[in-house]
């Protein structure tokens, strides 16, 4: 899968992410919404139903108020035919960026 967008979302090539250097990587919830739900026309409610989770879990993830958990990554991978590692890597990119910024400001 090759996706190139002009927004702040990363370029995705076969589920490999190019990590931006000058800004925080896109949150997994933003990727979920922009690259999966909107193009497919699937609602948050339908995704939650297919995953077997409360709508609040999907909504808070999409709104960036919840981080990607391993359990959510596995459930998403089954519904969206992706890998759980894909979702966890998106979260790890955000976590590493945040940790780097905290360490830079602490020094």
N, C-alpha and C. Protein backbone atom coordinates (compact mmCIF):
# COMPACT_ATOMS: atom_id res chain seq x y z
N UNK A 1 0.85 -1.17 0.00
CA UNK A 1 0.00 0.00 0.00
C UNK A 1 0.89 1.23 0.00
N UNK A 2 0.65 2.13 -0.92
CA UNK A 2 1.39 3.39 -0.98
C UNK A 2 0.38 4.52 -0.89
N UNK A 3 0.55 5.37 0.10
CA UNK A 3 -0.35 6.51 0.28
C UNK A 3 0.50 7.74 0.46
N UNK A 4 0.20 8.77 -0.29
CA UNK A 4 0.91 10.03 -0.16
C UNK A 4 -0.14 11.11 -0.01
N UNK A 5 -0.02 11.91 1.04
CA UNK A 5 -1.00 12.96 1.28
C UNK A 5 -0.27 14.28 1.46
N UNK A 6 -0.96 15.35 1.16
CA UNK A 6 -0.35 16.66 1.32
C UNK A 6 -0.58 17.23 2.70
N UNK A 7 -1.37 16.56 3.53
CA UNK A 7 -1.60 17.04 4.90
C UNK A 7 -0.40 16.71 5.76
N UNK A 8 -0.55 16.86 7.07
CA UNK A 8 0.57 16.56 7.96
C UNK A 8 0.71 15.08 8.24
N UNK A 9 -0.13 14.24 7.65
CA UNK A 9 -0.01 12.80 7.84
C UNK A 9 1.22 12.29 7.13
N UNK A 10 1.82 11.23 7.68
CA UNK A 10 3.05 10.71 7.07
C UNK A 10 2.76 9.97 5.79
N UNK A 11 3.81 9.78 5.01
CA UNK A 11 3.71 8.94 3.82
C UNK A 11 3.85 7.50 4.30
N UNK A 12 2.95 6.64 3.86
CA UNK A 12 2.99 5.24 4.27
C UNK A 12 3.32 4.39 3.06
N UNK A 13 4.34 3.59 3.18
CA UNK A 13 4.75 2.69 2.12
C UNK A 13 4.84 1.30 2.70
N UNK A 14 3.89 0.43 2.31
CA UNK A 14 3.86 -0.94 2.81
C UNK A 14 3.94 -0.99 4.32
N UNK A 15 3.15 -0.16 4.99
CA UNK A 15 3.07 -0.08 6.44
C UNK A 15 4.36 0.36 7.12
N UNK A 16 5.27 0.99 6.40
CA UNK A 16 6.46 1.58 7.01
C UNK A 16 6.21 3.08 7.09
N UNK A 17 6.54 3.67 8.21
CA UNK A 17 6.27 5.08 8.43
C UNK A 17 7.55 5.89 8.32
N UNK A 18 7.47 6.98 7.59
CA UNK A 18 8.57 7.94 7.56
C UNK A 18 8.30 8.93 8.70
N UNK A 19 9.17 8.95 9.68
CA UNK A 19 8.96 9.77 10.86
C UNK A 19 9.39 11.21 10.58
N UNK A 20 8.49 12.17 10.80
CA UNK A 20 8.87 13.57 10.56
C UNK A 20 9.87 14.02 11.62
N UNK A 21 10.74 14.94 11.24
CA UNK A 21 11.79 15.43 12.15
C UNK A 21 11.38 16.72 12.85
N UNK A 22 10.54 17.53 12.21
CA UNK A 22 10.26 18.86 12.73
C UNK A 22 8.91 18.99 13.43
N UNK A 23 8.22 17.91 13.62
CA UNK A 23 6.92 17.96 14.31
C UNK A 23 6.62 16.59 14.90
N UNK A 24 5.65 16.57 15.82
CA UNK A 24 5.25 15.30 16.44
C UNK A 24 4.62 14.40 15.38
N UNK A 25 4.97 13.12 15.39
CA UNK A 25 4.33 12.19 14.45
C UNK A 25 2.82 12.16 14.66
N UNK A 26 2.10 11.84 13.64
CA UNK A 26 0.65 11.76 13.74
C UNK A 26 0.25 10.67 14.73
N UNK A 27 -0.73 10.98 15.55
CA UNK A 27 -1.26 10.03 16.54
C UNK A 27 -1.96 8.89 15.81
N UNK A 28 -1.90 7.68 16.35
CA UNK A 28 -2.58 6.55 15.69
C UNK A 28 -4.07 6.80 15.44
N UNK A 29 -4.70 7.56 16.31
CA UNK A 29 -6.11 7.87 16.12
C UNK A 29 -6.36 8.72 14.89
N UNK A 30 -5.45 9.64 14.60
CA UNK A 30 -5.57 10.47 13.41
C UNK A 30 -5.40 9.61 12.15
N UNK A 31 -4.43 8.71 12.19
CA UNK A 31 -4.21 7.79 11.06
C UNK A 31 -5.46 6.92 10.86
N UNK A 32 -5.99 6.41 11.96
CA UNK A 32 -7.19 5.58 11.89
C UNK A 32 -8.33 6.32 11.21
N UNK A 33 -8.57 7.55 11.63
CA UNK A 33 -9.66 8.33 11.06
C UNK A 33 -9.42 8.69 9.60
N UNK A 34 -8.25 9.28 9.32
CA UNK A 34 -7.99 9.84 8.00
C UNK A 34 -7.70 8.79 6.92
N UNK A 35 -7.04 7.70 7.29
CA UNK A 35 -6.63 6.73 6.28
C UNK A 35 -7.48 5.47 6.23
N UNK A 36 -8.31 5.27 7.24
CA UNK A 36 -9.12 4.05 7.26
C UNK A 36 -10.62 4.33 7.34
N UNK A 37 -11.06 5.09 8.34
CA UNK A 37 -12.50 5.30 8.50
C UNK A 37 -13.09 6.20 7.42
N UNK A 38 -12.52 7.37 7.22
CA UNK A 38 -13.07 8.29 6.22
C UNK A 38 -13.11 7.67 4.82
N UNK A 39 -11.99 7.11 4.33
CA UNK A 39 -12.04 6.53 2.98
C UNK A 39 -13.02 5.37 2.83
N UNK A 40 -13.19 4.59 3.88
CA UNK A 40 -14.09 3.43 3.78
C UNK A 40 -15.54 3.79 4.08
N UNK A 41 -15.75 4.97 4.67
CA UNK A 41 -17.10 5.36 5.05
C UNK A 41 -17.60 4.67 6.31
N UNK A 42 -16.69 4.03 7.04
CA UNK A 42 -17.07 3.33 8.27
C UNK A 42 -17.16 4.34 9.41
N UNK A 43 -18.21 4.24 10.19
CA UNK A 43 -18.38 5.14 11.33
C UNK A 43 -17.60 4.61 12.54
N UNK A 44 -17.39 5.50 13.49
CA UNK A 44 -16.76 5.08 14.74
C UNK A 44 -17.60 4.03 15.44
N UNK A 45 -18.90 4.20 15.38
CA UNK A 45 -19.81 3.25 16.02
C UNK A 45 -19.71 1.87 15.38
N UNK A 46 -19.63 1.83 14.06
CA UNK A 46 -19.50 0.55 13.36
C UNK A 46 -18.16 -0.10 13.68
N UNK A 47 -17.10 0.68 13.72
CA UNK A 47 -15.78 0.12 14.06
C UNK A 47 -15.81 -0.45 15.47
N UNK A 48 -16.37 0.29 16.42
CA UNK A 48 -16.45 -0.20 17.80
C UNK A 48 -17.25 -1.50 17.87
N UNK A 49 -18.34 -1.56 17.13
CA UNK A 49 -19.16 -2.77 17.11
C UNK A 49 -18.35 -3.96 16.59
N UNK A 50 -17.63 -3.75 15.49
CA UNK A 50 -16.83 -4.84 14.90
C UNK A 50 -15.68 -5.27 15.82
N UNK A 51 -15.16 -4.31 16.57
CA UNK A 51 -14.07 -4.63 17.49
C UNK A 51 -14.59 -5.24 18.79
N UNK A 52 -15.87 -5.03 19.08
CA UNK A 52 -16.44 -5.52 20.34
C UNK A 52 -16.03 -4.69 21.54
N UNK A 53 -15.90 -3.38 21.32
CA UNK A 53 -15.50 -2.46 22.39
C UNK A 53 -16.50 -1.31 22.48
N UNK A 54 -16.51 -0.59 23.61
CA UNK A 54 -17.39 0.58 23.71
C UNK A 54 -16.96 1.67 22.72
N UNK A 55 -17.92 2.42 22.25
CA UNK A 55 -17.65 3.52 21.32
C UNK A 55 -16.65 4.51 21.91
N UNK A 56 -16.67 4.68 23.22
CA UNK A 56 -15.77 5.63 23.87
C UNK A 56 -14.30 5.27 23.62
N UNK A 57 -13.99 3.97 23.52
CA UNK A 57 -12.60 3.59 23.28
C UNK A 57 -12.15 4.08 21.91
N UNK A 58 -12.99 3.91 20.92
CA UNK A 58 -12.64 4.35 19.56
C UNK A 58 -12.62 5.88 19.50
N UNK A 59 -13.60 6.52 20.08
CA UNK A 59 -13.70 7.98 20.03
C UNK A 59 -12.54 8.67 20.73
N UNK A 60 -12.17 8.20 21.91
CA UNK A 60 -11.06 8.83 22.63
C UNK A 60 -9.73 8.58 21.92
N UNK A 61 -9.59 7.44 21.26
CA UNK A 61 -8.39 7.17 20.47
C UNK A 61 -8.31 8.14 19.29
N UNK A 62 -9.40 8.27 18.57
CA UNK A 62 -9.44 9.16 17.40
C UNK A 62 -9.20 10.61 17.80
N UNK A 63 -9.70 11.01 18.95
CA UNK A 63 -9.52 12.39 19.41
C UNK A 63 -8.20 12.62 20.13
N UNK A 64 -7.34 11.59 20.19
CA UNK A 64 -6.02 11.75 20.78
C UNK A 64 -6.00 11.79 22.30
N UNK A 65 -7.10 11.40 22.93
CA UNK A 65 -7.16 11.40 24.39
C UNK A 65 -6.83 10.02 24.97
N UNK A 66 -6.61 9.06 24.11
CA UNK A 66 -6.23 7.71 24.51
C UNK A 66 -5.11 7.26 23.59
N UNK A 67 -4.11 6.62 24.18
CA UNK A 67 -3.04 6.06 23.37
C UNK A 67 -3.42 4.66 22.90
N UNK A 68 -2.72 4.20 21.89
CA UNK A 68 -2.95 2.87 21.35
C UNK A 68 -2.42 1.84 22.33
N UNK A 69 -3.28 0.93 22.74
CA UNK A 69 -2.85 -0.17 23.62
C UNK A 69 -2.62 -1.41 22.76
N UNK A 70 -1.84 -2.36 23.26
CA UNK A 70 -1.65 -3.60 22.50
C UNK A 70 -2.98 -4.30 22.19
N UNK A 71 -3.89 -4.31 23.14
CA UNK A 71 -5.19 -4.95 22.90
C UNK A 71 -5.95 -4.26 21.78
N UNK A 72 -5.99 -2.95 21.81
CA UNK A 72 -6.68 -2.21 20.75
C UNK A 72 -6.00 -2.43 19.41
N UNK A 73 -4.68 -2.48 19.40
CA UNK A 73 -3.93 -2.72 18.17
C UNK A 73 -4.31 -4.08 17.57
N UNK A 74 -4.42 -5.09 18.40
CA UNK A 74 -4.80 -6.43 17.91
C UNK A 74 -6.21 -6.42 17.35
N UNK A 75 -7.13 -5.78 18.07
CA UNK A 75 -8.52 -5.73 17.60
C UNK A 75 -8.63 -4.96 16.29
N UNK A 76 -7.94 -3.83 16.20
CA UNK A 76 -7.95 -3.04 14.95
C UNK A 76 -7.36 -3.84 13.79
N UNK A 77 -6.29 -4.54 14.06
CA UNK A 77 -5.63 -5.30 12.99
C UNK A 77 -6.55 -6.37 12.42
N UNK A 78 -7.36 -6.95 13.28
CA UNK A 78 -8.30 -7.98 12.80
C UNK A 78 -9.41 -7.37 11.95
N UNK A 79 -9.93 -6.24 12.39
CA UNK A 79 -11.04 -5.60 11.68
C UNK A 79 -10.57 -4.96 10.38
N UNK A 80 -9.41 -4.31 10.41
CA UNK A 80 -8.94 -3.53 9.26
C UNK A 80 -7.95 -4.28 8.37
N UNK A 81 -7.65 -5.52 8.73
CA UNK A 81 -6.73 -6.35 7.93
C UNK A 81 -5.34 -5.70 7.84
N UNK A 82 -4.87 -5.22 8.97
CA UNK A 82 -3.52 -4.67 9.08
C UNK A 82 -2.76 -5.53 10.08
N UNK A 83 -1.60 -5.08 10.48
CA UNK A 83 -0.88 -5.80 11.53
C UNK A 83 -0.98 -5.02 12.84
N UNK A 84 -0.93 -5.72 13.94
CA UNK A 84 -0.94 -5.04 15.23
C UNK A 84 0.35 -4.24 15.41
N UNK A 85 1.44 -4.71 14.82
CA UNK A 85 2.71 -3.99 14.91
C UNK A 85 2.63 -2.62 14.24
N UNK A 86 1.87 -2.54 13.17
CA UNK A 86 1.66 -1.26 12.48
C UNK A 86 1.12 -0.22 13.45
N UNK A 87 0.07 -0.57 14.19
CA UNK A 87 -0.57 0.36 15.12
C UNK A 87 0.35 0.68 16.30
N UNK A 88 1.05 -0.33 16.80
CA UNK A 88 1.95 -0.10 17.92
C UNK A 88 3.16 0.75 17.50
N UNK A 89 3.62 0.59 16.28
CA UNK A 89 4.72 1.42 15.80
C UNK A 89 4.32 2.89 15.69
N UNK A 90 3.08 3.13 15.27
CA UNK A 90 2.58 4.51 15.23
C UNK A 90 2.62 5.12 16.63
N UNK A 91 2.17 4.35 17.63
CA UNK A 91 2.17 4.85 19.00
C UNK A 91 3.59 5.03 19.51
N UNK A 92 4.47 4.09 19.19
CA UNK A 92 5.85 4.17 19.64
C UNK A 92 6.54 5.42 19.06
N UNK A 93 6.23 5.75 17.82
CA UNK A 93 6.81 6.96 17.21
C UNK A 93 6.43 8.20 18.00
N UNK A 94 5.17 8.29 18.40
CA UNK A 94 4.71 9.43 19.21
C UNK A 94 5.39 9.42 20.58
N UNK A 95 5.46 8.26 21.21
CA UNK A 95 6.06 8.15 22.53
C UNK A 95 7.55 8.53 22.51
N UNK A 96 8.27 8.07 21.49
CA UNK A 96 9.69 8.39 21.38
C UNK A 96 9.90 9.89 21.15
N UNK A 97 9.06 10.47 20.31
CA UNK A 97 9.15 11.91 20.06
C UNK A 97 8.93 12.69 21.36
N UNK A 98 7.89 12.31 22.11
CA UNK A 98 7.58 12.99 23.37
C UNK A 98 8.72 12.83 24.38
N UNK A 99 9.27 11.62 24.48
CA UNK A 99 10.36 11.37 25.43
C UNK A 99 11.60 12.20 25.05
N UNK A 100 11.90 12.27 23.76
CA UNK A 100 13.04 13.06 23.29
C UNK A 100 12.86 14.53 23.67
N UNK A 101 11.67 15.06 23.46
CA UNK A 101 11.41 16.47 23.79
C UNK A 101 11.53 16.70 25.29
N UNK A 102 11.02 15.78 26.11
CA UNK A 102 11.11 15.93 27.57
C UNK A 102 12.58 15.94 28.01
N UNK A 103 13.39 15.05 27.44
CA UNK A 103 14.80 14.97 27.80
C UNK A 103 15.55 16.22 27.34
N UNK A 104 15.21 16.76 26.20
CA UNK A 104 15.85 17.98 25.72
C UNK A 104 15.55 19.16 26.64
N UNK A 105 14.32 19.22 27.14
CA UNK A 105 13.92 20.32 28.00
C UNK A 105 14.44 20.15 29.43
N UNK A 106 14.73 18.92 29.83
CA UNK A 106 15.23 18.65 31.18
C UNK A 106 16.74 18.94 31.28
N UNK A 107 17.41 18.89 30.16
CA UNK A 107 18.88 19.08 30.18
C UNK A 107 19.28 20.52 30.29
